[in-house]
């Protein structure tokens, strides 16, 4: 899936600013977690491809923190719970 509201930037640890950004970010869900992929311009020319996988336990931690700190997402979390319950019910049939 294409992530439409995400941006990735790169910069050195001691750099004062971020640069080399992209908004061409993709995401997918797999048994090993949520995967995010993107390509950033390299400092010396060319491109660097990056794949970030967030494992299920880390994702659980992130989602709990999001739920606690972003009350405006409560309805979305409710929708997600409903989708999960429906999927579980279908899997048991």
PDB file of N, CA and C in Angstrom:
ATOM      1  N   UNK A   1       0.835  -1.173   0.000  1.00  0.00           N
ATOM      2  CA  UNK A   1       0.000   0.000   0.000  1.00  0.00           C
ATOM      3  C   UNK A   1       0.884   1.242   0.000  1.00  0.00           C
ATOM      4  N   UNK A   2       0.446   2.244  -0.699  1.00  0.00           N
ATOM      5  CA  UNK A   2       1.179   3.507  -0.734  1.00  0.00           C
ATOM      6  C   UNK A   2       0.735   4.360   0.443  1.00  0.00           C
ATOM      7  N   UNK A   3       1.698   4.873   1.194  1.00  0.00           N
ATOM      8  CA  UNK A   3       1.392   5.744   2.322  1.00  0.00           C
ATOM      9  C   UNK A   3       1.392   7.185   1.814  1.00  0.00           C
ATOM     10  N   UNK A   4       0.263   7.837   1.871  1.00  0.00           N
ATOM     11  CA  UNK A   4       0.099   9.153   1.257  1.00  0.00           C
ATOM     12  C   UNK A   4       0.462  10.312   2.180  1.00  0.00           C
ATOM     13  N   UNK A   5       0.547  10.076   3.480  1.00  0.00           N
ATOM     14  CA  UNK A   5       0.806  11.161   4.426  1.00  0.00           C
ATOM     15  C   UNK A   5       2.072  10.916   5.228  1.00  0.00           C
ATOM     16  N   UNK A   6       3.046  10.271   4.606  1.00  0.00           N
ATOM     17  CA  UNK A   6       4.300   9.943   5.281  1.00  0.00           C
ATOM     18  C   UNK A   6       5.470  10.537   4.522  1.00  0.00           C
ATOM     19  N   UNK A   7       6.520  10.845   5.258  1.00  0.00           N
ATOM     20  CA  UNK A   7       7.727  11.398   4.650  1.00  0.00           C
ATOM     21  C   UNK A   7       8.936  10.813   5.365  1.00  0.00           C
ATOM     22  N   UNK A   8       9.991  10.579   4.625  1.00  0.00           N
ATOM     23  CA  UNK A   8      11.241  10.074   5.181  1.00  0.00           C
ATOM     24  C   UNK A   8      12.341  11.059   4.802  1.00  0.00           C
ATOM     25  N   UNK A   9      13.198  11.376   5.776  1.00  0.00           N
ATOM     26  CA  UNK A   9      14.344  12.251   5.530  1.00  0.00           C
ATOM     27  C   UNK A   9      15.582  11.577   6.088  1.00  0.00           C
ATOM     28  N   UNK A  10      16.723  11.987   5.607  1.00  0.00           N
ATOM     29  CA  UNK A  10      17.972  11.459   6.135  1.00  0.00           C
ATOM     30  C   UNK A  10      18.895  12.600   6.510  1.00  0.00           C
ATOM     31  N   UNK A  11      19.816  12.309   7.379  1.00  0.00           N
ATOM     32  CA  UNK A  11      20.810  13.293   7.796  1.00  0.00           C
ATOM     33  C   UNK A  11      21.855  12.608   8.651  1.00  0.00           C
ATOM     34  N   UNK A  12      22.989  13.223   8.749  1.00  0.00           N
ATOM     35  CA  UNK A  12      24.052  12.670   9.574  1.00  0.00           C
ATOM     36  C   UNK A  12      23.765  12.874  11.052  1.00  0.00           C
ATOM     37  N   UNK A  13      24.380  12.053  11.891  1.00  0.00           N
ATOM     38  CA  UNK A  13      24.170  12.161  13.331  1.00  0.00           C
ATOM     39  C   UNK A  13      24.563  13.545  13.837  1.00  0.00           C
ATOM     40  N   UNK A  14      25.624  14.100  13.302  1.00  0.00           N
ATOM     41  CA  UNK A  14      26.075  15.425  13.753  1.00  0.00           C
ATOM     42  C   UNK A  14      25.582  16.557  12.850  1.00  0.00           C
ATOM     43  N   UNK A  15      24.748  16.237  11.860  1.00  0.00           N
ATOM     44  CA  UNK A  15      24.237  17.273  10.946  1.00  0.00           C
ATOM     45  C   UNK A  15      23.211  18.147  11.655  1.00  0.00           C
ATOM     46  N   UNK A  16      23.144  19.391  11.249  1.00  0.00           N
ATOM     47  CA  UNK A  16      22.219  20.341  11.870  1.00  0.00           C
ATOM     48  C   UNK A  16      20.837  20.306  11.221  1.00  0.00           C
ATOM     49  N   UNK A  17      20.701  19.598  10.121  1.00  0.00           N
ATOM     50  CA  UNK A  17      19.409  19.585   9.429  1.00  0.00           C
ATOM     51  C   UNK A  17      19.198  18.247   8.724  1.00  0.00           C
ATOM     52  N   UNK A  18      17.949  18.033   8.311  1.00  0.00           N
ATOM     53  CA  UNK A  18      17.549  16.844   7.561  1.00  0.00           C
ATOM     54  C   UNK A  18      17.453  17.206   6.082  1.00  0.00           C
ATOM     55  N   UNK A  19      17.764  16.285   5.214  1.00  0.00           N
ATOM     56  CA  UNK A  19      17.677  16.533   3.779  1.00  0.00           C
ATOM     57  C   UNK A  19      17.481  15.201   3.075  1.00  0.00           C
ATOM     58  N   UNK A  20      17.450  15.240   1.750  1.00  0.00           N
ATOM     59  CA  UNK A  20      17.318  14.010   0.979  1.00  0.00           C
ATOM     60  C   UNK A  20      16.023  13.279   1.260  1.00  0.00           C
ATOM     61  N   UNK A  21      14.917  13.991   1.232  1.00  0.00           N
ATOM     62  CA  UNK A  21      13.650  13.388   1.633  1.00  0.00           C
ATOM     63  C   UNK A  21      12.923  12.694   0.484  1.00  0.00           C
ATOM     64  N   UNK A  22      11.955  11.867   0.855  1.00  0.00           N
ATOM     65  CA  UNK A  22      11.053  11.237  -0.104  1.00  0.00           C
ATOM     66  C   UNK A  22       9.681  11.100   0.529  1.00  0.00           C
ATOM     67  N   UNK A  23       8.671  11.206  -0.299  1.00  0.00           N
ATOM     68  CA  UNK A  23       7.310  10.937   0.145  1.00  0.00           C
ATOM     69  C   UNK A  23       6.787   9.664  -0.526  1.00  0.00           C
ATOM     70  N   UNK A  24       7.658   8.980  -1.231  1.00  0.00           N
ATOM     71  CA  UNK A  24       7.312   7.731  -1.904  1.00  0.00           C
ATOM     72  C   UNK A  24       7.571   6.579  -0.928  1.00  0.00           C
ATOM     73  N   UNK A  25       6.643   6.398  -0.013  1.00  0.00           N
ATOM     74  CA  UNK A  25       6.767   5.402   1.052  1.00  0.00           C
ATOM     75  C   UNK A  25       5.692   4.343   0.855  1.00  0.00           C
ATOM     76  N   UNK A  26       6.099   3.081   0.938  1.00  0.00           N
ATOM     77  CA  UNK A  26       5.143   1.988   0.827  1.00  0.00           C
ATOM     78  C   UNK A  26       5.100   1.219   2.145  1.00  0.00           C
ATOM     79  N   UNK A  27       3.984   0.564   2.370  1.00  0.00           N
ATOM     80  CA  UNK A  27       3.826  -0.249   3.568  1.00  0.00           C
ATOM     81  C   UNK A  27       3.132  -1.541   3.217  1.00  0.00           C
ATOM     82  N   UNK A  28       3.422  -2.571   3.986  1.00  0.00           N
ATOM     83  CA  UNK A  28       2.742  -3.853   3.803  1.00  0.00           C
ATOM     84  C   UNK A  28       2.692  -4.568   5.144  1.00  0.00           C
ATOM     85  N   UNK A  29       1.768  -5.506   5.232  1.00  0.00           N
ATOM     86  CA  UNK A  29       1.618  -6.303   6.446  1.00  0.00           C
ATOM     87  C   UNK A  29       2.004  -7.736   6.107  1.00  0.00           C
ATOM     88  N   UNK A  30       2.854  -8.317   6.940  1.00  0.00           N
ATOM     89  CA  UNK A  30       3.330  -9.683   6.745  1.00  0.00           C
ATOM     90  C   UNK A  30       3.341 -10.381   8.100  1.00  0.00           C
ATOM     91  N   UNK A  31       3.470 -11.695   8.118  1.00  0.00           N
ATOM     92  CA  UNK A  31       3.506 -12.400   9.401  1.00  0.00           C
ATOM     93  C   UNK A  31       4.606 -11.899  10.344  1.00  0.00           C
ATOM     94  N   UNK A  32       5.706 -11.443   9.778  1.00  0.00           N
ATOM     95  CA  UNK A  32       6.805 -10.963  10.619  1.00  0.00           C
ATOM     96  C   UNK A  32       6.632  -9.528  11.102  1.00  0.00           C
ATOM     97  N   UNK A  33       5.568  -8.848  10.664  1.00  0.00           N
ATOM     98  CA  UNK A  33       5.288  -7.497  11.136  1.00  0.00           C
ATOM     99  C   UNK A  33       4.838  -6.571  10.030  1.00  0.00           C
ATOM    100  N   UNK A  34       4.944  -5.286  10.301  1.00  0.00           N
ATOM    101  CA  UNK A  34       4.605  -4.255   9.329  1.00  0.00           C
ATOM    102  C   UNK A  34       5.894  -3.795   8.673  1.00  0.00           C
ATOM    103  N   UNK A  35       5.882  -3.750   7.337  1.00  0.00           N
ATOM    104  CA  UNK A  35       7.083  -3.381   6.588  1.00  0.00           C
ATOM    105  C   UNK A  35       6.875  -2.028   5.912  1.00  0.00           C
ATOM    106  N   UNK A  36       7.897  -1.183   5.984  1.00  0.00           N
ATOM    107  CA  UNK A  36       7.901   0.106   5.317  1.00  0.00           C
ATOM    108  C   UNK A  36       9.115   0.151   4.408  1.00  0.00           C
ATOM    109  N   UNK A  37       8.907   0.543   3.159  1.00  0.00           N
ATOM    110  CA  UNK A  37      10.006   0.620   2.214  1.00  0.00           C
ATOM    111  C   UNK A  37      10.068   1.993   1.568  1.00  0.00           C
ATOM    112  N   UNK A  38      11.285   2.417   1.278  1.00  0.00           N
ATOM    113  CA  UNK A  38      11.471   3.697   0.603  1.00  0.00           C
ATOM    114  C   UNK A  38      12.879   3.767   0.025  1.00  0.00           C
ATOM    115  N   UNK A  39      13.073   4.711  -0.857  1.00  0.00           N
ATOM    116  CA  UNK A  39      14.372   4.952  -1.478  1.00  0.00           C
ATOM    117  C   UNK A  39      14.745   6.395  -1.214  1.00  0.00           C
ATOM    118  N   UNK A  40      15.986   6.600  -0.732  1.00  0.00           N
ATOM    119  CA  UNK A  40      16.494   7.947  -0.457  1.00  0.00           C
ATOM    120  C   UNK A  40      17.722   8.219  -1.325  1.00  0.00           C
ATOM    121  N   UNK A  41      17.910   9.482  -1.715  1.00  0.00           N
ATOM    122  CA  UNK A  41      19.127   9.803  -2.448  1.00  0.00           C
ATOM    123  C   UNK A  41      20.346   9.648  -1.537  1.00  0.00           C
ATOM    124  N   UNK A  42      21.405   9.033  -2.061  1.00  0.00           N
ATOM    125  CA  UNK A  42      22.636   8.852  -1.299  1.00  0.00           C
ATOM    126  C   UNK A  42      23.462  10.120  -1.329  1.00  0.00           C
ATOM    127  N   UNK A  43      24.281  10.308  -0.321  1.00  0.00           N
ATOM    128  CA  UNK A  43      25.127  11.504  -0.230  1.00  0.00           C
ATOM    129  C   UNK A  43      26.057  11.633  -1.436  1.00  0.00           C
ATOM    130  N   UNK A  44      26.630  10.516  -1.857  1.00  0.00           N
ATOM    131  CA  UNK A  44      27.586  10.546  -2.952  1.00  0.00           C
ATOM    132  C   UNK A  44      26.975  10.338  -4.324  1.00  0.00           C
ATOM    133  N   UNK A  45      25.675  10.383  -4.425  1.00  0.00           N
ATOM    134  CA  UNK A  45      24.996  10.120  -5.686  1.00  0.00           C
ATOM    135  C   UNK A  45      24.356   8.744  -5.648  1.00  0.00           C
ATOM    136  N   UNK A  46      23.415   8.529  -6.503  1.00  0.00           N
ATOM    137  CA  UNK A  46      22.717   7.252  -6.507  1.00  0.00           C
ATOM    138  C   UNK A  46      21.606   7.236  -5.469  1.00  0.00           C
ATOM    139  N   UNK A  47      21.091   6.060  -5.208  1.00  0.00           N
ATOM    140  CA  UNK A  47      19.980   5.904  -4.291  1.00  0.00           C
ATOM    141  C   UNK A  47      20.279   4.801  -3.282  1.00  0.00           C
ATOM    142  N   UNK A  48      19.676   4.929  -2.117  1.00  0.00           N
ATOM    143  CA  UNK A  48      19.765   3.912  -1.081  1.00  0.00           C
ATOM    144  C   UNK A  48      18.363   3.398  -0.816  1.00  0.00           C
ATOM    145  N   UNK A  49      18.177   2.100  -0.941  1.00  0.00           N
ATOM    146  CA  UNK A  49      16.883   1.489  -0.677  1.00  0.00           C
ATOM    147  C   UNK A  49      16.865   1.039   0.785  1.00  0.00           C
ATOM    148  N   UNK A  50      15.753   1.315   1.474  1.00  0.00           N
ATOM    149  CA  UNK A  50      15.625   0.981   2.898  1.00  0.00           C
ATOM    150  C   UNK A  50      14.333   0.204   3.119  1.00  0.00           C
ATOM    151  N   UNK A  51      14.420  -0.830   3.948  1.00  0.00           N
ATOM    152  CA  UNK A  51      13.249  -1.594   4.361  1.00  0.00           C
ATOM    153  C   UNK A  51      13.265  -1.655   5.883  1.00  0.00           C
ATOM    154  N   UNK A  52      12.208  -1.166   6.509  1.00  0.00           N
ATOM    155  CA  UNK A  52      12.038  -1.204   7.960  1.00  0.00           C
ATOM    156  C   UNK A  52      10.911  -2.169   8.277  1.00  0.00           C
ATOM    157  N   UNK A  53      11.191  -3.158   9.117  1.00  0.00           N
ATOM    158  CA  UNK A  53      10.162  -4.093   9.565  1.00  0.00           C
ATOM    159  C   UNK A  53       9.967  -3.893  11.058  1.00  0.00           C
ATOM    160  N   UNK A  54       8.723  -3.629  11.452  1.00  0.00           N
ATOM    161  CA  UNK A  54       8.383  -3.493  12.866  1.00  0.00           C
ATOM    162  C   UNK A  54       7.677  -4.776  13.273  1.00  0.00           C
ATOM    163  N   UNK A  55       8.302  -5.505  14.182  1.00  0.00           N
ATOM    164  CA  UNK A  55       7.769  -6.789  14.628  1.00  0.00           C
ATOM    165  C   UNK A  55       6.478  -6.628  15.421  1.00  0.00           C
ATOM    166  N   UNK A  56       5.695  -7.710  15.514  1.00  0.00           N
ATOM    167  CA  UNK A  56       4.392  -7.650  16.187  1.00  0.00           C
ATOM    168  C   UNK A  56       4.447  -7.113  17.621  1.00  0.00           C
ATOM    169  N   UNK A  57       5.443  -7.498  18.407  1.00  0.00           N
ATOM    170  CA  UNK A  57       5.507  -7.015  19.799  1.00  0.00           C
ATOM    171  C   UNK A  57       5.810  -5.520  19.847  1.00  0.00           C
ATOM    172  N   UNK A  58       6.707  -5.046  18.993  1.00  0.00           N
ATOM    173  CA  UNK A  58       6.978  -3.607  18.936  1.00  0.00           C
ATOM    174  C   UNK A  58       5.766  -2.850  18.422  1.00  0.00           C
ATOM    175  N   UNK A  59       5.066  -3.440  17.456  1.00  0.00           N
ATOM    176  CA  UNK A  59       3.865  -2.807  16.926  1.00  0.00           C
ATOM    177  C   UNK A  59       2.803  -2.686  18.019  1.00  0.00           C
ATOM    178  N   UNK A  60       2.667  -3.715  18.826  1.00  0.00           N
ATOM    179  CA  UNK A  60       1.722  -3.686  19.952  1.00  0.00           C
ATOM    180  C   UNK A  60       2.057  -2.504  20.877  1.00  0.00           C
ATOM    181  N   UNK A  61       3.342  -2.328  21.185  1.00  0.00           N
ATOM    182  CA  UNK A  61       3.786  -1.232  22.052  1.00  0.00           C
ATOM    183  C   UNK A  61       3.465   0.122  21.422  1.00  0.00           C
ATOM    184  N   UNK A  62       3.739   0.259  20.136  1.00  0.00           N
ATOM    185  CA  UNK A  62       3.468   1.509  19.420  1.00  0.00           C
ATOM    186  C   UNK A  62       1.974   1.811  19.416  1.00  0.00           C
ATOM    187  N   UNK A  63       1.156   0.809  19.114  1.00  0.00           N
ATOM    188  CA  UNK A  63      -0.295   1.033  19.052  1.00  0.00           C
ATOM    189  C   UNK A  63      -0.873   1.420  20.411  1.00  0.00           C
ATOM    190  N   UNK A  64      -0.393   0.802  21.476  1.00  0.00           N
ATOM    191  CA  UNK A  64      -0.862   1.168  22.810  1.00  0.00           C
ATOM    192  C   UNK A  64      -0.496   2.608  23.142  1.00  0.00           C
ATOM    193  N   UNK A  65       0.701   3.015  22.777  1.00  0.00           N
ATOM    194  CA  UNK A  65       1.141   4.395  23.042  1.00  0.00           C
ATOM    195  C   UNK A  65       0.328   5.373  22.197  1.00  0.00           C
ATOM    196  N   UNK A  66       0.088   5.036  20.949  1.00  0.00           N
ATOM    197  CA  UNK A  66      -0.751   5.873  20.090  1.00  0.00           C
ATOM    198  C   UNK A  66      -2.147   6.034  20.676  1.00  0.00           C
ATOM    199  N   UNK A  67      -2.722   4.935  21.139  1.00  0.00           N
ATOM    200  CA  UNK A  67      -4.072   4.971  21.699  1.00  0.00           C
ATOM    201  C   UNK A  67      -4.123   5.845  22.947  1.00  0.00           C
ATOM    202  N   UNK A  68      -3.098   5.763  23.778  1.00  0.00           N
ATOM    203  CA  UNK A  68      -3.075   6.527  25.023  1.00  0.00           C
ATOM    204  C   UNK A  68      -2.833   8.016  24.798  1.00  0.00           C
ATOM    205  N   UNK A  69      -2.081   8.352  23.768  1.00  0.00           N
ATOM    206  CA  UNK A  69      -1.667   9.742  23.574  1.00  0.00           C
ATOM    207  C   UNK A  69      -2.404  10.472  22.456  1.00  0.00           C
ATOM    208  N   UNK A  70      -3.213   9.778  21.684  1.00  0.00           N
ATOM    209  CA  UNK A  70      -3.934  10.399  20.570  1.00  0.00           C
ATOM    210  C   UNK A  70      -5.405  10.033  20.660  1.00  0.00           C
ATOM    211  N   UNK A  71      -6.109  10.694  21.546  1.00  0.00           N
ATOM    212  CA  UNK A  71      -7.507  10.357  21.794  1.00  0.00           C
ATOM    213  C   UNK A  71      -8.373  10.528  20.551  1.00  0.00           C
ATOM    214  N   UNK A  72      -7.954  11.365  19.615  1.00  0.00           N
ATOM    215  CA  UNK A  72      -8.723  11.553  18.386  1.00  0.00           C
ATOM    216  C   UNK A  72      -8.698  10.302  17.503  1.00  0.00           C
ATOM    217  N   UNK A  73      -7.843   9.330  17.833  1.00  0.00           N
ATOM    218  CA  UNK A  73      -7.794   8.078  17.082  1.00  0.00           C
ATOM    219  C   UNK A  73      -8.682   7.000  17.695  1.00  0.00           C
ATOM    220  N   UNK A  74      -9.401   7.319  18.758  1.00  0.00           N
ATOM    221  CA  UNK A  74     -10.212   6.318  19.461  1.00  0.00           C
ATOM    222  C   UNK A  74     -11.197   5.637  18.520  1.00  0.00           C
ATOM    223  N   UNK A  75     -11.868   6.387  17.674  1.00  0.00           N
ATOM    224  CA  UNK A  75     -12.830   5.798  16.746  1.00  0.00           C
ATOM    225  C   UNK A  75     -12.132   4.836  15.786  1.00  0.00           C
ATOM    226  N   UNK A  76     -10.956   5.211  15.311  1.00  0.00           N
ATOM    227  CA  UNK A  76     -10.188   4.357  14.405  1.00  0.00           C
ATOM    228  C   UNK A  76      -9.791   3.052  15.092  1.00  0.00           C
ATOM    229  N   UNK A  77      -9.351   3.137  16.344  1.00  0.00           N
ATOM    230  CA  UNK A  77      -9.007   1.917  17.078  1.00  0.00           C
ATOM    231  C   UNK A  77     -10.241   1.044  17.278  1.00  0.00           C
ATOM    232  N   UNK A  78     -11.394   1.656  17.493  1.00  0.00           N
ATOM    233  CA  UNK A  78     -12.643   0.907  17.606  1.00  0.00           C
ATOM    234  C   UNK A  78     -12.963   0.178  16.313  1.00  0.00           C
ATOM    235  N   UNK A  79     -12.787   0.867  15.185  1.00  0.00           N
ATOM    236  CA  UNK A  79     -13.013   0.238  13.878  1.00  0.00           C
ATOM    237  C   UNK A  79     -12.071  -0.948  13.680  1.00  0.00           C
ATOM    238  N   UNK A  80     -10.819  -0.777  14.089  1.00  0.00           N
ATOM    239  CA  UNK A  80      -9.829  -1.847  13.945  1.00  0.00           C
ATOM    240  C   UNK A  80     -10.212  -3.059  14.792  1.00  0.00           C
ATOM    241  N   UNK A  81     -10.683  -2.799  15.999  1.00  0.00           N
ATOM    242  CA  UNK A  81     -11.116  -3.901  16.865  1.00  0.00           C
ATOM    243  C   UNK A  81     -12.277  -4.653  16.219  1.00  0.00           C
ATOM    244  N   UNK A  82     -13.202  -3.920  15.642  1.00  0.00           N
ATOM    245  CA  UNK A  82     -14.348  -4.549  14.977  1.00  0.00           C
ATOM    246  C   UNK A  82     -13.880  -5.425  13.808  1.00  0.00           C
ATOM    247  N   UNK A  83     -12.973  -4.919  12.994  1.00  0.00           N
ATOM    248  CA  UNK A  83     -12.439  -5.692  11.869  1.00  0.00           C
ATOM    249  C   UNK A  83     -11.746  -6.968  12.359  1.00  0.00           C
ATOM    250  N   UNK A  84     -10.994  -6.860  13.439  1.00  0.00           N
ATOM    251  CA  UNK A  84     -10.303  -8.022  13.973  1.00  0.00           C
ATOM    252  C   UNK A  84     -11.282  -9.059  14.500  1.00  0.00           C
ATOM    253  N   UNK A  85     -12.330  -8.614  15.170  1.00  0.00           N
ATOM    254  CA  UNK A  85     -13.338  -9.544  15.702  1.00  0.00           C
ATOM    255  C   UNK A  85     -14.060 -10.267  14.569  1.00  0.00           C
ATOM    256  N   UNK A  86     -14.409  -9.547  13.515  1.00  0.00           N
ATOM    257  CA  UNK A  86     -15.056 -10.169  12.360  1.00  0.00           C
ATOM    258  C   UNK A  86     -14.121 -11.198  11.712  1.00  0.00           C
ATOM    259  N   UNK A  87     -12.851 -10.851  11.565  1.00  0.00           N
ATOM    260  CA  UNK A  87     -11.871 -11.775  10.964  1.00  0.00           C
ATOM    261  C   UNK A  87     -11.698 -13.022  11.841  1.00  0.00           C
ATOM    262  N   UNK A  88     -11.673 -12.847  13.153  1.00  0.00           N
ATOM    263  CA  UNK A  88     -11.561 -13.991  14.057  1.00  0.00           C
ATOM    264  C   UNK A  88     -12.782 -14.897  13.951  1.00  0.00           C
ATOM    265  N   UNK A  89     -13.959 -14.301  13.875  1.00  0.00           N
ATOM    266  CA  UNK A  89     -15.198 -15.089  13.753  1.00  0.00           C
ATOM    267  C   UNK A  89     -15.203 -15.894  12.455  1.00  0.00           C
ATOM    268  N   UNK A  90     -14.748 -15.290  11.353  1.00  0.00           N
ATOM    269  CA  UNK A  90     -14.693 -16.005  10.072  1.00  0.00           C
ATOM    270  C   UNK A  90     -13.660 -17.125  10.112  1.00  0.00           C
ATOM    271  N   UNK A  91     -12.559 -16.905  10.800  1.00  0.00           N
ATOM    272  CA  UNK A  91     -11.502 -17.908  10.875  1.00  0.00           C
ATOM    273  C   UNK A  91     -11.936 -19.134  11.671  1.00  0.00           C
ATOM    274  N   UNK A  92     -12.852 -18.941  12.613  1.00  0.00           N
ATOM    275  CA  UNK A  92     -13.322 -20.048  13.451  1.00  0.00           C
ATOM    276  C   UNK A  92     -14.361 -20.898  12.744  1.00  0.00           C
ATOM    277  N   UNK A  93     -14.925 -20.416  11.647  1.00  0.00           N
ATOM    278  CA  UNK A  93     -15.971 -21.174  10.916  1.00  0.00           C
ATOM    279  C   UNK A  93     -15.361 -22.299  10.126  1.00  0.00           C
TER     280      UNK A  93
END
